[in-house]
PDB file of N, CA and C in Angstrom:
ATOM      1  N   MET A   1      13.155  16.316 -22.463  1.00  0.00           N
ATOM      2  CA  MET A   1      11.746  16.192 -22.190  1.00  0.00           C
ATOM      3  C   MET A   1      11.527  16.182 -20.681  1.00  0.00           C
ATOM      4  N   HIS A   2      10.591  16.928 -20.194  1.00  0.00           N
ATOM      5  CA  HIS A   2      10.291  17.040 -18.769  1.00  0.00           C
ATOM      6  C   HIS A   2       9.091  16.161 -18.438  1.00  0.00           C
ATOM      7  N   THR A   3       9.265  15.275 -17.470  1.00  0.00           N
ATOM      8  CA  THR A   3       8.182  14.393 -17.055  1.00  0.00           C
ATOM      9  C   THR A   3       7.471  15.011 -15.864  1.00  0.00           C
ATOM     10  N   LEU A   4       6.173  15.144 -15.961  1.00  0.00           N
ATOM     11  CA  LEU A   4       5.360  15.700 -14.897  1.00  0.00           C
ATOM     12  C   LEU A   4       5.216  14.684 -13.772  1.00  0.00           C
ATOM     13  N   THR A   5       5.539  15.090 -12.572  1.00  0.00           N
ATOM     14  CA  THR A   5       5.361  14.231 -11.412  1.00  0.00           C
ATOM     15  C   THR A   5       4.077  14.629 -10.719  1.00  0.00           C
ATOM     16  N   ARG A   6       3.243  13.625 -10.441  1.00  0.00           N
ATOM     17  CA  ARG A   6       1.974  13.844  -9.766  1.00  0.00           C
ATOM     18  C   ARG A   6       2.011  13.161  -8.415  1.00  0.00           C
ATOM     19  N   THR A   7       1.065  13.516  -7.591  1.00  0.00           N
ATOM     20  CA  THR A   7       0.911  12.834  -6.312  1.00  0.00           C
ATOM     21  C   THR A   7      -0.206  11.816  -6.463  1.00  0.00           C
ATOM     22  N   TRP A   8       0.130  10.555  -6.154  1.00  0.00           N
ATOM     23  CA  TRP A   8      -0.803   9.438  -6.269  1.00  0.00           C
ATOM     24  C   TRP A   8      -1.079   8.849  -4.902  1.00  0.00           C
ATOM     25  N   TRP A   9      -2.266   8.351  -4.728  1.00  0.00           N
ATOM     26  CA  TRP A   9      -2.596   7.517  -3.584  1.00  0.00           C
ATOM     27  C   TRP A   9      -2.630   6.096  -4.099  1.00  0.00           C
ATOM     28  N   VAL A  10      -1.735   5.262  -3.588  1.00  0.00           N
ATOM     29  CA  VAL A  10      -1.734   3.853  -3.945  1.00  0.00           C
ATOM     30  C   VAL A  10      -2.508   3.130  -2.843  1.00  0.00           C
ATOM     31  N   ILE A  11      -3.690   2.671  -3.191  1.00  0.00           N
ATOM     32  CA  ILE A  11      -4.607   2.036  -2.247  1.00  0.00           C
ATOM     33  C   ILE A  11      -4.265   0.548  -2.172  1.00  0.00           C
ATOM     34  N   TYR A  12      -4.136   0.044  -0.948  1.00  0.00           N
ATOM     35  CA  TYR A  12      -3.791  -1.367  -0.806  1.00  0.00           C
ATOM     36  C   TYR A  12      -4.482  -1.955   0.416  1.00  0.00           C
ATOM     37  N   ARG A  13      -4.438  -3.276   0.470  1.00  0.00           N
ATOM     38  CA  ARG A  13      -4.917  -3.995   1.640  1.00  0.00           C
ATOM     39  C   ARG A  13      -3.908  -5.089   1.935  1.00  0.00           C
ATOM     40  N   GLU A  14      -3.946  -5.553   3.150  1.00  0.00           N
ATOM     41  CA  GLU A  14      -3.067  -6.641   3.574  1.00  0.00           C
ATOM     42  C   GLU A  14      -3.956  -7.835   3.937  1.00  0.00           C
ATOM     43  N   PRO A  15      -4.172  -8.759   2.992  1.00  0.00           N
ATOM     44  CA  PRO A  15      -5.033  -9.901   3.283  1.00  0.00           C
ATOM     45  C   PRO A  15      -4.450 -10.825   4.358  1.00  0.00           C
ATOM     46  N   THR A  16      -3.135 -10.799   4.494  1.00  0.00           N
ATOM     47  CA  THR A  16      -2.438 -11.534   5.558  1.00  0.00           C
ATOM     48  C   THR A  16      -1.266 -10.675   5.997  1.00  0.00           C
ATOM     49  N   PRO A  17      -0.648 -10.995   7.135  1.00  0.00           N
ATOM     50  CA  PRO A  17       0.532 -10.228   7.553  1.00  0.00           C
ATOM     51  C   PRO A  17       1.715 -10.356   6.588  1.00  0.00           C
ATOM     52  N   ALA A  18       1.651 -11.337   5.688  1.00  0.00           N
ATOM     53  CA  ALA A  18       2.765 -11.585   4.770  1.00  0.00           C
ATOM     54  C   ALA A  18       2.464 -11.168   3.337  1.00  0.00           C
ATOM     55  N   ALA A  19       1.349 -10.491   3.111  1.00  0.00           N
ATOM     56  CA  ALA A  19       0.976 -10.149   1.739  1.00  0.00           C
ATOM     57  C   ALA A  19       0.331  -8.774   1.651  1.00  0.00           C
ATOM     58  N   MET A  20       0.559  -8.159   0.510  1.00  0.00           N
ATOM     59  CA  MET A  20      -0.042  -6.866   0.197  1.00  0.00           C
ATOM     60  C   MET A  20      -0.692  -6.972  -1.169  1.00  0.00           C
ATOM     61  N   GLN A  21      -1.876  -6.406  -1.290  1.00  0.00           N
ATOM     62  CA  GLN A  21      -2.579  -6.396  -2.569  1.00  0.00           C
ATOM     63  C   GLN A  21      -2.904  -4.952  -2.916  1.00  0.00           C
ATOM     64  N   ILE A  22      -2.374  -4.484  -4.032  1.00  0.00           N
ATOM     65  CA  ILE A  22      -2.681  -3.129  -4.482  1.00  0.00           C
ATOM     66  C   ILE A  22      -4.058  -3.144  -5.130  1.00  0.00           C
ATOM     67  N   ILE A  23      -4.912  -2.269  -4.658  1.00  0.00           N
ATOM     68  CA  ILE A  23      -6.281  -2.161  -5.150  1.00  0.00           C
ATOM     69  C   ILE A  23      -6.350  -1.182  -6.327  1.00  0.00           C
ATOM     70  N   ALA A  24      -5.687  -0.032  -6.161  1.00  0.00           N
ATOM     71  CA  ALA A  24      -5.734   1.005  -7.195  1.00  0.00           C
ATOM     72  C   ALA A  24      -4.668   2.045  -6.917  1.00  0.00           C
ATOM     73  N   ALA A  25      -4.339   2.785  -7.942  1.00  0.00           N
ATOM     74  CA  ALA A  25      -3.538   3.995  -7.796  1.00  0.00           C
ATOM     75  C   ALA A  25      -4.384   5.111  -8.387  1.00  0.00           C
ATOM     76  N   GLU A  26      -4.604   6.138  -7.588  1.00  0.00           N
ATOM     77  CA  GLU A  26      -5.483   7.221  -8.024  1.00  0.00           C
ATOM     78  C   GLU A  26      -4.857   8.558  -7.682  1.00  0.00           C
ATOM     79  N   PRO A  27      -5.193   9.582  -8.448  1.00  0.00           N
ATOM     80  CA  PRO A  27      -4.673  10.917  -8.109  1.00  0.00           C
ATOM     81  C   PRO A  27      -5.100  11.305  -6.694  1.00  0.00           C
ATOM     82  N   ALA A  28      -4.236  12.023  -6.018  1.00  0.00           N
ATOM     83  CA  ALA A  28      -4.544  12.480  -4.662  1.00  0.00           C
ATOM     84  C   ALA A  28      -5.800  13.350  -4.680  1.00  0.00           C
ATOM     85  N   PRO A  29      -6.584  13.314  -3.597  1.00  0.00           N
ATOM     86  CA  PRO A  29      -7.773  14.178  -3.526  1.00  0.00           C
ATOM     87  C   PRO A  29      -7.403  15.642  -3.744  1.00  0.00           C
ATOM     88  N   SER A  30      -8.348  16.366  -4.320  1.00  0.00           N
ATOM     89  CA  SER A  30      -8.069  17.737  -4.739  1.00  0.00           C
ATOM     90  C   SER A  30      -8.154  18.780  -3.640  1.00  0.00           C
ATOM     91  N   ASP A  31      -8.858  18.479  -2.555  1.00  0.00           N
ATOM     92  CA  ASP A  31      -8.978  19.470  -1.474  1.00  0.00           C
ATOM     93  C   ASP A  31      -9.162  18.749  -0.137  1.00  0.00           C
ATOM     94  N   ALA A  32      -9.197  19.514   0.925  1.00  0.00           N
ATOM     95  CA  ALA A  32      -9.257  18.939   2.279  1.00  0.00           C
ATOM     96  C   ALA A  32     -10.517  18.116   2.503  1.00  0.00           C
ATOM     97  N   ASP A  33     -11.660  18.588   2.005  1.00  0.00           N
ATOM     98  CA  ASP A  33     -12.900  17.831   2.186  1.00  0.00           C
ATOM     99  C   ASP A  33     -12.846  16.501   1.448  1.00  0.00           C
ATOM    100  N   ALA A  34     -12.351  16.525   0.217  1.00  0.00           N
ATOM    101  CA  ALA A  34     -12.227  15.287  -0.554  1.00  0.00           C
ATOM    102  C   ALA A  34     -11.223  14.345   0.119  1.00  0.00           C
ATOM    103  N   HIS A  35     -10.164  14.900   0.661  1.00  0.00           N
ATOM    104  CA  HIS A  35      -9.165  14.111   1.387  1.00  0.00           C
ATOM    105  C   HIS A  35      -9.806  13.397   2.570  1.00  0.00           C
ATOM    106  N   ASP A  36     -10.539  14.138   3.380  1.00  0.00           N
ATOM    107  CA  ASP A  36     -11.178  13.565   4.563  1.00  0.00           C
ATOM    108  C   ASP A  36     -12.196  12.486   4.181  1.00  0.00           C
ATOM    109  N   GLN A  37     -12.971  12.756   3.139  1.00  0.00           N
ATOM    110  CA  GLN A  37     -13.975  11.795   2.700  1.00  0.00           C
ATOM    111  C   GLN A  37     -13.309  10.516   2.210  1.00  0.00           C
ATOM    112  N   ARG A  38     -12.233  10.648   1.425  1.00  0.00           N
ATOM    113  CA  ARG A  38     -11.549   9.463   0.880  1.00  0.00           C
ATOM    114  C   ARG A  38     -10.897   8.668   2.005  1.00  0.00           C
ATOM    115  N   CYS A  39     -10.320   9.350   2.984  1.00  0.00           N
ATOM    116  CA  CYS A  39      -9.733   8.657   4.143  1.00  0.00           C
ATOM    117  C   CYS A  39     -10.789   7.838   4.874  1.00  0.00           C
ATOM    118  N   ALA A  40     -11.963   8.408   5.056  1.00  0.00           N
ATOM    119  CA  ALA A  40     -13.054   7.701   5.731  1.00  0.00           C
ATOM    120  C   ALA A  40     -13.485   6.479   4.927  1.00  0.00           C
ATOM    121  N   GLU A  41     -13.567   6.626   3.612  1.00  0.00           N
ATOM    122  CA  GLU A  41     -13.944   5.501   2.751  1.00  0.00           C
ATOM    123  C   GLU A  41     -12.925   4.369   2.837  1.00  0.00           C
ATOM    124  N   LEU A  42     -11.648   4.739   2.808  1.00  0.00           N
ATOM    125  CA  LEU A  42     -10.592   3.728   2.884  1.00  0.00           C
ATOM    126  C   LEU A  42     -10.622   3.003   4.225  1.00  0.00           C
ATOM    127  N   GLN A  43     -10.785   3.772   5.285  1.00  0.00           N
ATOM    128  CA  GLN A  43     -10.834   3.170   6.619  1.00  0.00           C
ATOM    129  C   GLN A  43     -12.013   2.212   6.723  1.00  0.00           C
ATOM    130  N   GLN A  44     -13.171   2.610   6.231  1.00  0.00           N
ATOM    131  CA  GLN A  44     -14.358   1.766   6.290  1.00  0.00           C
ATOM    132  C   GLN A  44     -14.147   0.477   5.493  1.00  0.00           C
ATOM    133  N   ALA A  45     -13.432   0.548   4.392  1.00  0.00           N
ATOM    134  CA  ALA A  45     -13.187  -0.620   3.553  1.00  0.00           C
ATOM    135  C   ALA A  45     -12.036  -1.487   4.075  1.00  0.00           C
ATOM    136  N   GLY A  46     -11.318  -1.006   5.091  1.00  0.00           N
ATOM    137  CA  GLY A  46     -10.176  -1.750   5.607  1.00  0.00           C
ATOM    138  C   GLY A  46      -8.941  -1.634   4.729  1.00  0.00           C
ATOM    139  N   HIS A  47      -8.870  -0.555   3.977  1.00  0.00           N
ATOM    140  CA  HIS A  47      -7.736  -0.319   3.090  1.00  0.00           C
ATOM    141  C   HIS A  47      -6.829   0.764   3.663  1.00  0.00           C
ATOM    142  N   SER A  48      -5.617   0.795   3.164  1.00  0.00           N
ATOM    143  CA  SER A  48      -4.649   1.832   3.513  1.00  0.00           C
ATOM    144  C   SER A  48      -4.149   2.450   2.218  1.00  0.00           C
ATOM    145  N   ALA A  49      -3.339   3.495   2.339  1.00  0.00           N
ATOM    146  CA  ALA A  49      -2.802   4.131   1.139  1.00  0.00           C
ATOM    147  C   ALA A  49      -1.400   4.656   1.408  1.00  0.00           C
ATOM    148  N   TYR A  50      -0.578   4.542   0.400  1.00  0.00           N
ATOM    149  CA  TYR A  50       0.705   5.235   0.383  1.00  0.00           C
ATOM    150  C   TYR A  50       0.523   6.452  -0.498  1.00  0.00           C
ATOM    151  N   VAL A  51       1.117   7.567  -0.103  1.00  0.00           N
ATOM    152  CA  VAL A  51       1.111   8.778  -0.913  1.00  0.00           C
ATOM    153  C   VAL A  51       2.460   8.826  -1.613  1.00  0.00           C
ATOM    154  N   ILE A  52       2.428   8.737  -2.930  1.00  0.00           N
ATOM    155  CA  ILE A  52       3.644   8.599  -3.732  1.00  0.00           C
ATOM    156  C   ILE A  52       3.683   9.680  -4.803  1.00  0.00           C
ATOM    157  N   ASN A  53       4.838  10.294  -4.968  1.00  0.00           N
ATOM    158  CA  ASN A  53       5.053  11.214  -6.083  1.00  0.00           C
ATOM    159  C   ASN A  53       5.724  10.434  -7.205  1.00  0.00           C
ATOM    160  N   ALA A  54       5.059  10.390  -8.357  1.00  0.00           N
ATOM    161  CA  ALA A  54       5.561   9.626  -9.500  1.00  0.00           C
ATOM    162  C   ALA A  54       4.929  10.170 -10.776  1.00  0.00           C
ATOM    163  N   PRO A  55       5.523   9.856 -11.912  1.00  0.00           N
ATOM    164  CA  PRO A  55       4.970  10.364 -13.172  1.00  0.00           C
ATOM    165  C   PRO A  55       3.690   9.657 -13.613  1.00  0.00           C
ATOM    166  N   ASP A  56       3.476   8.405 -13.152  1.00  0.00           N
ATOM    167  CA  ASP A  56       2.278   7.677 -13.571  1.00  0.00           C
ATOM    168  C   ASP A  56       1.888   6.658 -12.504  1.00  0.00           C
ATOM    169  N   GLU A  57       0.694   6.098 -12.653  1.00  0.00           N
ATOM    170  CA  GLU A  57       0.167   5.196 -11.634  1.00  0.00           C
ATOM    171  C   GLU A  57       0.940   3.882 -11.547  1.00  0.00           C
ATOM    172  N   ASP A  58       1.463   3.382 -12.657  1.00  0.00           N
ATOM    173  CA  ASP A  58       2.249   2.142 -12.609  1.00  0.00           C
ATOM    174  C   ASP A  58       3.525   2.331 -11.801  1.00  0.00           C
ATOM    175  N   THR A  59       4.208   3.444 -12.027  1.00  0.00           N
ATOM    176  CA  THR A  59       5.423   3.734 -11.272  1.00  0.00           C
ATOM    177  C   THR A  59       5.090   3.922  -9.793  1.00  0.00           C
ATOM    178  N   ALA A  60       4.005   4.623  -9.514  1.00  0.00           N
ATOM    179  CA  ALA A  60       3.586   4.829  -8.120  1.00  0.00           C
ATOM    180  C   ALA A  60       3.301   3.487  -7.450  1.00  0.00           C
ATOM    181  N   SER A  61       2.619   2.586  -8.142  1.00  0.00           N
ATOM    182  CA  SER A  61       2.320   1.267  -7.584  1.00  0.00           C
ATOM    183  C   SER A  61       3.592   0.466  -7.321  1.00  0.00           C
ATOM    184  N   ASP A  62       4.537   0.522  -8.242  1.00  0.00           N
ATOM    185  CA  ASP A  62       5.813  -0.174  -8.059  1.00  0.00           C
ATOM    186  C   ASP A  62       6.561   0.357  -6.843  1.00  0.00           C
ATOM    187  N   ILE A  63       6.584   1.662  -6.688  1.00  0.00           N
ATOM    188  CA  ILE A  63       7.262   2.276  -5.547  1.00  0.00           C
ATOM    189  C   ILE A  63       6.587   1.859  -4.245  1.00  0.00           C
ATOM    190  N   ALA A  64       5.255   1.889  -4.220  1.00  0.00           N
ATOM    191  CA  ALA A  64       4.517   1.503  -3.010  1.00  0.00           C
ATOM    192  C   ALA A  64       4.800   0.052  -2.633  1.00  0.00           C
ATOM    193  N   ALA A  65       4.840  -0.834  -3.607  1.00  0.00           N
ATOM    194  CA  ALA A  65       5.115  -2.247  -3.332  1.00  0.00           C
ATOM    195  C   ALA A  65       6.516  -2.423  -2.742  1.00  0.00           C
ATOM    196  N   ARG A  66       7.482  -1.691  -3.260  1.00  0.00           N
ATOM    197  CA  ARG A  66       8.859  -1.772  -2.720  1.00  0.00           C
ATOM    198  C   ARG A  66       8.917  -1.225  -1.300  1.00  0.00           C
ATOM    199  N   ILE A  67       8.212  -0.120  -1.042  1.00  0.00           N
ATOM    200  CA  ILE A  67       8.189   0.456   0.307  1.00  0.00           C
ATOM    201  C   ILE A  67       7.562  -0.535   1.287  1.00  0.00           C
ATOM    202  N   TRP A  68       6.445  -1.150   0.885  1.00  0.00           N
ATOM    203  CA  TRP A  68       5.774  -2.114   1.758  1.00  0.00           C
ATOM    204  C   TRP A  68       6.719  -3.271   2.082  1.00  0.00           C
ATOM    205  N   ALA A  69       7.379  -3.803   1.079  1.00  0.00           N
ATOM    206  CA  ALA A  69       8.298  -4.927   1.287  1.00  0.00           C
ATOM    207  C   ALA A  69       9.459  -4.524   2.195  1.00  0.00           C
ATOM    208  N   GLN A  70       9.984  -3.334   2.006  1.00  0.00           N
ATOM    209  CA  GLN A  70      11.078  -2.859   2.850  1.00  0.00           C
ATOM    210  C   GLN A  70      10.612  -2.696   4.294  1.00  0.00           C
ATOM    211  N   GLU A  71       9.415  -2.137   4.487  1.00  0.00           N
ATOM    212  CA  GLU A  71       8.876  -1.984   5.842  1.00  0.00           C
ATOM    213  C   GLU A  71       8.667  -3.347   6.502  1.00  0.00           C
ATOM    214  N   LEU A  72       8.251  -4.329   5.707  1.00  0.00           N
ATOM    215  CA  LEU A  72       8.021  -5.668   6.248  1.00  0.00           C
ATOM    216  C   LEU A  72       9.315  -6.258   6.810  1.00  0.00           C
ATOM    217  N   VAL A  73      10.391  -6.175   6.057  1.00  0.00           N
ATOM    218  CA  VAL A  73      11.625  -6.834   6.492  1.00  0.00           C
ATOM    219  C   VAL A  73      12.430  -6.013   7.493  1.00  0.00           C
ATOM    220  N   THR A  74      12.152  -4.720   7.607  1.00  0.00           N
ATOM    221  CA  THR A  74      12.920  -3.905   8.554  1.00  0.00           C
ATOM    222  C   THR A  74      12.209  -3.685   9.884  1.00  0.00           C
ATOM    223  N   ASN A  75      10.934  -4.048   9.962  1.00  0.00           N
ATOM    224  CA  ASN A  75      10.186  -3.899  11.209  1.00  0.00           C
ATOM    225  C   ASN A  75      10.103  -5.274  11.869  1.00  0.00           C
ATOM    226  N   PRO A  76      10.785  -5.463  12.995  1.00  0.00           N
ATOM    227  CA  PRO A  76      10.822  -6.792  13.614  1.00  0.00           C
ATOM    228  C   PRO A  76       9.443  -7.357  13.962  1.00  0.00           C
ATOM    229  N   HIS A  77       8.515  -6.515  14.374  1.00  0.00           N
ATOM    230  CA  HIS A  77       7.173  -6.985  14.729  1.00  0.00           C
ATOM    231  C   HIS A  77       6.396  -7.458  13.501  1.00  0.00           C
ATOM    232  N   ARG A  78       6.488  -6.691  12.428  1.00  0.00           N
ATOM    233  CA  ARG A  78       5.801  -7.082  11.193  1.00  0.00           C
ATOM    234  C   ARG A  78       6.413  -8.345  10.616  1.00  0.00           C
ATOM    235  N   LEU A  79       7.740  -8.427  10.639  1.00  0.00           N
ATOM    236  CA  LEU A  79       8.412  -9.603  10.109  1.00  0.00           C
ATOM    237  C   LEU A  79       8.055 -10.841  10.927  1.00  0.00           C
ATOM    238  N   ALA A  80       8.023 -10.707  12.241  1.00  0.00           N
ATOM    239  CA  ALA A  80       7.657 -11.843  13.094  1.00  0.00           C
ATOM    240  C   ALA A  80       6.221 -12.284  12.814  1.00  0.00           C
ATOM    241  N   ALA A  81       5.317 -11.336  12.644  1.00  0.00           N
ATOM    242  CA  ALA A  81       3.925 -11.683  12.348  1.00  0.00           C
ATOM    243  C   ALA A  81       3.817 -12.391  10.996  1.00  0.00           C
ATOM    244  N   ALA A  82       4.564 -11.903  10.010  1.00  0.00           N
ATOM    245  CA  ALA A  82       4.541 -12.534   8.688  1.00  0.00           C
ATOM    246  C   ALA A  82       5.118 -13.944   8.753  1.00  0.00           C
ATOM    247  N   ASN A  83       6.239 -14.092   9.449  1.00  0.00           N
ATOM    248  CA  ASN A  83       6.849 -15.418   9.570  1.00  0.00           C
ATOM    249  C   ASN A  83       5.930 -16.385  10.304  1.00  0.00           C
ATOM    250  N   ALA A  84       5.283 -15.928  11.354  1.00  0.00           N
ATOM    251  CA  ALA A  84       4.356 -16.782  12.100  1.00  0.00           C
ATOM    252  C   ALA A  84       3.179 -17.189  11.215  1.00  0.00           C
ATOM    253  N   HIS A  85       2.666 -16.248  10.459  1.00  0.00           N
ATOM    254  CA  HIS A  85       1.555 -16.554   9.556  1.00  0.00           C
ATOM    255  C   HIS A  85       1.979 -17.613   8.533  1.00  0.00           C
ATOM    256  N   LEU A  86       3.127 -17.410   7.933  1.00  0.00           N
ATOM    257  CA  LEU A  86       3.600 -18.363   6.930  1.00  0.00           C
ATOM    258  C   LEU A  86       3.844 -19.740   7.537  1.00  0.00           C
ATOM    259  N   ALA A  87       4.384 -19.785   8.748  1.00  0.00           N
ATOM    260  CA  ALA A  87       4.643 -21.067   9.406  1.00  0.00           C
ATOM    261  C   ALA A  87       3.339 -21.812   9.681  1.00  0.00           C
ATOM    262  N   CYS A  88       2.307 -21.090  10.038  1.00  0.00           N
ATOM    263  CA  CYS A  88       1.013 -21.717  10.343  1.00  0.00           C
ATOM    264  C   CYS A  88       0.248 -22.123   9.089  1.00  0.00           C
ATOM    265  N   HIS A  89       0.596 -21.558   7.949  1.00  0.00           N
ATOM    266  CA  HIS A  89      -0.169 -21.809   6.734  1.00  0.00           C
ATOM    267  C   HIS A  89       0.642 -22.501   5.642  1.00  0.00           C
ATOM    268  N   ARG A  90       1.699 -23.186   6.045  1.00  0.00           N
ATOM    269  CA  ARG A  90       2.476 -23.952   5.076  1.00  0.00           C
ATOM    270  C   ARG A  90       1.669 -25.172   4.655  1.00  0.00           C
ATOM    271  N   PRO A  91       1.726 -25.509   3.385  1.00  0.00           N
ATOM    272  CA  PRO A  91       1.023 -26.722   2.950  1.00  0.00           C
ATOM    273  C   PRO A  91       1.645 -27.960   3.595  1.00  0.00           C
ATOM    274  N   ALA A  92       0.820 -28.925   3.900  1.00  0.00           N
ATOM    275  CA  ALA A  92       1.310 -30.187   4.480  1.00  0.00           C
ATOM    276  C   ALA A  92       2.120 -30.929   3.420  1.00  0.00           C
ATOM    277  N   ARG A  93       3.147 -31.589   3.869  1.00  0.00           N
ATOM    278  CA  ARG A  93       3.991 -32.335   2.915  1.00  0.00           C
ATOM    279  C   ARG A  93       3.613 -33.767   2.866  1.00  0.00           C
TER     280      ARG A  93
END
């Protein structure tokens, strides 16, 4: 059985430097105008997107979450920002 791979945009936001929230996974825009319009909408909303090739939106979302986590721990600046955020927002004991 052959599984069709599609291109998905996994829309996400980062409510804090240490967290990612997936908003939606949607098929990639169909043409350049739709692409530009969707990019503008995402930017205005403060969202970002990963472009993922996957057979379905759940798989695309899982891949995007793993990529985000990997980028967090491999980028020293992002990791430092996340650690600083967590240190400042730890519950009092």
